[in-house]
Every structure is written in C-alpha cells, then in structure tokens.
Amino acid sequence: MKTNCANNRCAEIHSSACVKYTGSGSTSLGIYCDDALNPVLDALIAKVEELEEAYNEQIKSAIELKKELNEHKKFEAIYAACEGLTQTQVEKMKSLAESIEFTTEDEFTEKMETLKESYFKNPVVSADSSALDDEVQIEEEKKVAKSSDPLMEVYSKAISQTVNK
C-alpha cells in the first residue's frame, strides 16, 4: 500500500518504498515506514503486548496482596479491641466489625474503640498485681488423733504443728 509521503517522516529520510504500516492486526497505527521494517514493528508490538500482559498480572497480584494485608490488619484491630471482653461480647464485637469498612488501619482501630465504648460501657478492671502476689491462708481443720497413750499424743501434736507450718 503506497502512500503520498510528502508531509511525513518518509519524505525526510527520502524513502522511495514508504507505506503505511497497518500491523498484523486490523488496527492502523498510523506509522509510515519501509516495507522491510514491518517484521521489526511486528516483533516490537508483540513485545509491548507481552510486557503489558505481564504488567497487568503484576498489578492484579499487588491488589490481591493488598487485600490480604488489609484483612490481616483488620483482624489484628478486632483482636486488640476485644481484649478484656467476655466471649459473648467478643462475638458481638466481631459481628459489628463486619459492617465497618476498612479504609486505613488507624481509622478502623478508632471505629472499633468507639464501638467498644458505646456497646460495652463497663470498664475492664484489672487486678492489682500486689493483690495477686499475696499468699492465701487456708484454715484447715486440725485433726489431732486422740490416743490413749499420753506420750503418743504429744508426738502427734508436735508432728501436726510441723506439717501445718
């Protein structure tokens, strides 16, 4: 397909075999070149299409990874917000969290804290660590075996006092 090369690059390079490249497909690229360059352009176009396909696959993969990361961050925020709640409260919190849209980690965490404060108003009271360290004294009934022999009674009383200490 010969064309008038007066107003394009073909005229500048003084090509006598200048044709409009239409490619191997049906779309016209509007490129004017020598017939000898058609195979080169076909190879370049195939390479561009291959690279575009690989690029699109990488974009899809990145989107999937981002979704997985956001789900993990959402799970961590729910877990942190449920700390100190009873099992039934945790289940309620999880069902409420499903209706919250995850945009950013900070925003989602803030929304979870707001839910926790509004639905579960009782503050979580933690035990004082010093109270946990105190020893518990358990009063046991002292069973002292009565014996008819007074010497044995003294021995059993001495042994029972040693064991209780």
C-alpha atoms as a PDB file:
ATOM      1  CA  MET A   1       0.000   0.000   0.000  1.00  0.00           C
ATOM      2  CA  LYS A   2       1.908   3.016  -1.286  1.00  0.00           C
ATOM      3  CA  THR A   3       1.063   6.448   0.050  1.00  0.00           C
ATOM      4  CA  ASN A   4       1.950  10.038  -0.524  1.00  0.00           C
ATOM      5  CA  CYS A   5       4.997  10.662   1.622  1.00  0.00           C
ATOM      6  CA  ALA A   6       5.236  14.405   1.108  1.00  0.00           C
ATOM      7  CA  ASN A   7       4.133  15.508   4.600  1.00  0.00           C
ATOM      8  CA  ASN A   8       5.652  12.849   6.849  1.00  0.00           C
ATOM      9  CA  ARG A   9       8.904  11.361   8.034  1.00  0.00           C
ATOM     10  CA  CYS A  10       9.295   9.279   4.857  1.00  0.00           C
ATOM     11  CA  ALA A  11       9.928  12.419   2.888  1.00  0.00           C
ATOM     12  CA  GLU A  12      12.618  13.465   5.353  1.00  0.00           C
ATOM     13  CA  ILE A  13      14.514  10.210   5.014  1.00  0.00           C
ATOM     14  CA  HIS A  14      13.956  10.131   1.251  1.00  0.00           C
ATOM     15  CA  SER A  15      12.421   6.661   1.248  1.00  0.00           C
ATOM     16  CA  SER A  16      11.027   5.503  -2.077  1.00  0.00           C
ATOM     17  CA  ALA A  17       9.278   2.426  -0.605  1.00  0.00           C
ATOM     18  CA  CYS A  18       7.295   4.239   2.079  1.00  0.00           C
ATOM     19  CA  VAL A  19       3.984   2.590   3.042  1.00  0.00           C
ATOM     20  CA  LYS A  20       1.515   2.972   5.874  1.00  0.00           C
ATOM     21  CA  TYR A  21       2.109   0.212   8.434  1.00  0.00           C
ATOM     22  CA  THR A  22      -1.143  -1.433   9.447  1.00  0.00           C
ATOM     23  CA  GLY A  23       0.385  -4.204  11.514  1.00  0.00           C
ATOM     24  CA  SER A  24      -0.560  -7.823  11.519  1.00  0.00           C
ATOM     25  CA  GLY A  25      -3.885  -6.959  13.189  1.00  0.00           C
ATOM     26  CA  SER A  26      -6.701  -4.826  11.871  1.00  0.00           C
ATOM     27  CA  THR A  27      -5.811  -1.636  13.756  1.00  0.00           C
ATOM     28  CA  SER A  28      -3.850   1.023  11.970  1.00  0.00           C
ATOM     29  CA  LEU A  29      -1.013   2.579  13.924  1.00  0.00           C
ATOM     30  CA  GLY A  30      -0.544   5.482  11.559  1.00  0.00           C
ATOM     31  CA  ILE A  31       3.153   4.716  11.126  1.00  0.00           C
ATOM     32  CA  TYR A  32       4.775   5.188   7.749  1.00  0.00           C
ATOM     33  CA  CYS A  33       7.884   3.135   7.112  1.00  0.00           C
ATOM     34  CA  ASP A  34       9.696   0.971   4.609  1.00  0.00           C
ATOM     35  CA  ASP A  35       8.254  -2.471   3.876  1.00  0.00           C
ATOM     36  CA  ALA A  36      11.448  -4.005   5.258  1.00  0.00           C
ATOM     37  CA  LEU A  37      10.666  -2.652   8.754  1.00  0.00           C
ATOM     38  CA  ASN A  38       7.272  -4.369   9.031  1.00  0.00           C
ATOM     39  CA  PRO A  39       8.686  -7.556  10.654  1.00  0.00           C
ATOM     40  CA  VAL A  40      10.621  -5.423  13.147  1.00  0.00           C
ATOM     41  CA  LEU A  41       7.500  -3.455  14.024  1.00  0.00           C
ATOM     42  CA  ASP A  42       5.518  -6.702  14.362  1.00  0.00           C
ATOM     43  CA  ALA A  43       8.130  -8.017  16.816  1.00  0.00           C
ATOM     44  CA  LEU A  44       8.138  -4.757  18.785  1.00  0.00           C
ATOM     45  CA  ILE A  45       4.352  -4.707  19.003  1.00  0.00           C
ATOM     46  CA  ALA A  46       4.312  -8.328  20.169  1.00  0.00           C
ATOM     47  CA  LYS A  47       6.885  -7.464  22.853  1.00  0.00           C
ATOM     48  CA  VAL A  48       4.828  -4.464  24.001  1.00  0.00           C
ATOM     49  CA  GLU A  49       1.720  -6.629  24.253  1.00  0.00           C
ATOM     50  CA  GLU A  50       3.660  -9.251  26.200  1.00  0.00           C
ATOM     51  CA  LEU A  51       5.004  -6.629  28.611  1.00  0.00           C
ATOM     52  CA  GLU A  52       1.544  -5.085  29.050  1.00  0.00           C
ATOM     53  CA  GLU A  53       0.153  -8.505  29.908  1.00  0.00           C
ATOM     54  CA  ALA A  54       2.921  -9.137  32.453  1.00  0.00           C
ATOM     55  CA  TYR A  55       2.360  -5.672  33.928  1.00  0.00           C
ATOM     56  CA  ASN A  56      -1.371  -6.306  34.293  1.00  0.00           C
ATOM     57  CA  GLU A  57      -0.662  -9.620  36.037  1.00  0.00           C
ATOM     58  CA  GLN A  58       1.668  -7.864  38.491  1.00  0.00           C
ATOM     59  CA  ILE A  59      -0.984  -5.230  39.183  1.00  0.00           C
ATOM     60  CA  LYS A  60      -3.574  -7.964  39.887  1.00  0.00           C
ATOM     61  CA  SER A  61      -1.117  -9.724  42.182  1.00  0.00           C
ATOM     62  CA  ALA A  62      -0.357  -6.492  44.062  1.00  0.00           C
ATOM     63  CA  ILE A  63      -4.076  -5.811  44.512  1.00  0.00           C
ATOM     64  CA  GLU A  64      -4.628  -9.300  45.934  1.00  0.00           C
ATOM     65  CA  LEU A  65      -1.685  -8.918  48.322  1.00  0.00           C
ATOM     66  CA  LYS A  66      -3.006  -5.543  49.467  1.00  0.00           C
ATOM     67  CA  LYS A  67      -6.433  -7.087  50.153  1.00  0.00           C
ATOM     68  CA  GLU A  68      -4.844  -9.883  52.197  1.00  0.00           C
ATOM     69  CA  LEU A  69      -2.732  -7.392  54.149  1.00  0.00           C
ATOM     70  CA  ASN A  70      -5.779  -5.244  54.906  1.00  0.00           C
ATOM     71  CA  GLU A  71      -7.727  -8.300  56.080  1.00  0.00           C
ATOM     72  CA  HIS A  72      -4.856  -9.195  58.402  1.00  0.00           C
ATOM     73  CA  LYS A  73      -4.708  -5.645  59.767  1.00  0.00           C
ATOM     74  CA  LYS A  74      -8.482  -5.694  60.246  1.00  0.00           C
ATOM     75  CA  PHE A  75      -8.233  -8.975  62.168  1.00  0.00           C
ATOM     76  CA  GLU A  76      -5.480  -7.560  64.405  1.00  0.00           C
ATOM     77  CA  ALA A  77      -7.533  -4.433  65.140  1.00  0.00           C
ATOM     78  CA  ILE A  78     -10.561  -6.560  66.061  1.00  0.00           C
ATOM     79  CA  TYR A  79      -8.397  -8.755  68.270  1.00  0.00           C
ATOM     80  CA  ALA A  80      -6.945  -5.713  70.059  1.00  0.00           C
ATOM     81  CA  ALA A  81     -10.384  -4.172  70.560  1.00  0.00           C
ATOM     82  CA  CYS A  82     -11.776  -7.425  72.007  1.00  0.00           C
ATOM     83  CA  GLU A  83      -9.114  -7.663  74.679  1.00  0.00           C
ATOM     84  CA  GLY A  84     -10.705  -7.924  78.095  1.00  0.00           C
ATOM     85  CA  LEU A  85     -14.198  -8.719  76.806  1.00  0.00           C
ATOM     86  CA  THR A  86     -16.199 -11.806  77.590  1.00  0.00           C
ATOM     87  CA  GLN A  87     -16.761 -14.450  74.910  1.00  0.00           C
ATOM     88  CA  THR A  88     -20.298 -13.236  74.148  1.00  0.00           C
ATOM     89  CA  GLN A  89     -19.061  -9.653  73.907  1.00  0.00           C
ATOM     90  CA  VAL A  90     -16.284 -10.762  71.549  1.00  0.00           C
ATOM     91  CA  GLU A  91     -18.828 -12.451  69.273  1.00  0.00           C
ATOM     92  CA  LYS A  92     -20.991  -9.312  69.306  1.00  0.00           C
ATOM     93  CA  MET A  93     -17.939  -7.167  68.514  1.00  0.00           C
ATOM     94  CA  LYS A  94     -16.964  -9.416  65.599  1.00  0.00           C
ATOM     95  CA  SER A  95     -20.449  -9.208  64.104  1.00  0.00           C
ATOM     96  CA  LEU A  96     -20.421  -5.420  64.463  1.00  0.00           C
ATOM     97  CA  ALA A  97     -16.952  -5.220  62.905  1.00  0.00           C
ATOM     98  CA  GLU A  98     -18.178  -6.939  59.738  1.00  0.00           C
ATOM     99  CA  SER A  99     -20.292  -3.889  58.910  1.00  0.00           C
ATOM    100  CA  ILE A 100     -17.343  -1.484  59.216  1.00  0.00           C
ATOM    101  CA  GLU A 101     -15.468  -0.662  56.031  1.00  0.00           C
ATOM    102  CA  PHE A 102     -11.688  -0.926  56.311  1.00  0.00           C
ATOM    103  CA  THR A 103     -10.021   2.119  54.777  1.00  0.00           C
ATOM    104  CA  THR A 104      -6.946   2.634  56.941  1.00  0.00           C
ATOM    105  CA  GLU A 105      -5.663   0.786  59.973  1.00  0.00           C
ATOM    106  CA  ASP A 106      -5.833   3.829  62.260  1.00  0.00           C
ATOM    107  CA  GLU A 107      -9.352   4.742  61.192  1.00  0.00           C
ATOM    108  CA  PHE A 108     -10.588   1.179  61.629  1.00  0.00           C
ATOM    109  CA  THR A 109      -8.975   0.904  65.083  1.00  0.00           C
ATOM    110  CA  GLU A 110     -10.612   4.171  66.108  1.00  0.00           C
ATOM    111  CA  LYS A 111     -14.022   2.905  64.923  1.00  0.00           C
ATOM    112  CA  MET A 112     -13.531  -0.346  66.846  1.00  0.00           C
ATOM    113  CA  GLU A 113     -12.701   1.552  70.042  1.00  0.00           C
ATOM    114  CA  THR A 114     -15.799   3.700  69.565  1.00  0.00           C
ATOM    115  CA  LEU A 115     -17.922   0.556  69.182  1.00  0.00           C
ATOM    116  CA  LYS A 116     -16.373  -0.964  72.263  1.00  0.00           C
ATOM    117  CA  GLU A 117     -17.039   2.154  74.334  1.00  0.00           C
ATOM    118  CA  SER A 118     -20.612   2.543  73.130  1.00  0.00           C
ATOM    119  CA  TYR A 119     -21.726  -1.106  73.379  1.00  0.00           C
ATOM    120  CA  PHE A 120     -19.689  -2.280  76.330  1.00  0.00           C
ATOM    121  CA  LYS A 121     -19.617   0.635  78.771  1.00  0.00           C
ATOM    122  CA  ASN A 122     -18.361  -1.350  81.758  1.00  0.00           C
ATOM    123  CA  PRO A 123     -14.673  -0.596  82.044  1.00  0.00           C
ATOM    124  CA  VAL A 124     -12.396  -3.556  82.313  1.00  0.00           C
ATOM    125  CA  VAL A 125     -10.947  -3.667  85.814  1.00  0.00           C
ATOM    126  CA  SER A 126      -7.640  -5.389  86.102  1.00  0.00           C
ATOM    127  CA  ALA A 127      -6.435  -6.885  89.332  1.00  0.00           C
ATOM    128  CA  ASP A 128      -3.676  -5.187  91.237  1.00  0.00           C
ATOM    129  CA  SER A 129      -0.501  -7.224  90.846  1.00  0.00           C
ATOM    130  CA  SER A 130       0.337  -6.883  94.543  1.00  0.00           C
ATOM    131  CA  ALA A 131      -3.017  -8.443  95.408  1.00  0.00           C
ATOM    132  CA  LEU A 132      -2.176 -11.392  93.189  1.00  0.00           C
ATOM    133  CA  ASP A 133       1.130 -11.937  94.979  1.00  0.00           C
ATOM    134  CA  ASP A 134      -0.404 -12.183  98.477  1.00  0.00           C
ATOM    135  CA  GLU A 135      -0.427 -15.614  99.986  1.00  0.00           C
ATOM    136  CA  VAL A 136      -3.737 -17.177 100.693  1.00  0.00           C
ATOM    137  CA  GLN A 137      -4.099 -18.662 104.144  1.00  0.00           C
ATOM    138  CA  ILE A 138      -6.340 -21.675 104.154  1.00  0.00           C
ATOM    139  CA  GLU A 139      -7.651 -22.693 107.500  1.00  0.00           C
ATOM    140  CA  GLU A 140      -7.817 -26.401 107.739  1.00  0.00           C
ATOM    141  CA  GLU A 141      -9.481 -28.320 110.433  1.00  0.00           C
ATOM    142  CA  LYS A 142      -6.869 -29.628 112.721  1.00  0.00           C
ATOM    143  CA  LYS A 143      -7.427 -33.254 113.171  1.00  0.00           C
ATOM    144  CA  VAL A 144      -5.417 -34.489 116.018  1.00  0.00           C
ATOM    145  CA  ALA A 145      -5.630 -38.152 116.558  1.00  0.00           C
ATOM    146  CA  LYS A 146      -6.591 -38.967 120.085  1.00  0.00           C
ATOM    147  CA  SER A 147      -4.624 -41.687 121.582  1.00  0.00           C
ATOM    148  CA  SER A 148      -4.968 -43.453 124.823  1.00  0.00           C
ATOM    149  CA  ASP A 149      -1.252 -43.154 125.363  1.00  0.00           C
ATOM    150  CA  PRO A 150      -0.290 -39.590 126.515  1.00  0.00           C
ATOM    151  CA  LEU A 151       3.245 -39.929 125.067  1.00  0.00           C
ATOM    152  CA  MET A 152       1.857 -40.712 121.580  1.00  0.00           C
ATOM    153  CA  GLU A 153      -0.496 -37.746 121.851  1.00  0.00           C
ATOM    154  CA  VAL A 154       2.458 -35.403 122.425  1.00  0.00           C
ATOM    155  CA  TYR A 155       4.273 -36.868 119.398  1.00  0.00           C
ATOM    156  CA  SER A 156       1.243 -36.495 117.106  1.00  0.00           C
ATOM    157  CA  LYS A 157       0.650 -32.891 118.273  1.00  0.00           C
ATOM    158  CA  ALA A 158       4.291 -31.989 117.538  1.00  0.00           C
ATOM    159  CA  ILE A 159       4.138 -33.617 114.112  1.00  0.00           C
ATOM    160  CA  SER A 160       0.871 -31.888 113.167  1.00  0.00           C
ATOM    161  CA  GLN A 161       2.289 -28.448 114.129  1.00  0.00           C
ATOM    162  CA  THR A 162       5.368 -29.063 111.979  1.00  0.00           C
ATOM    163  CA  VAL A 163       3.319 -30.095 108.933  1.00  0.00           C
ATOM    164  CA  ASN A 164       0.992 -27.040 109.093  1.00  0.00           C
ATOM    165  CA  LYS A 165       3.887 -24.544 109.086  1.00  0.00           C
END
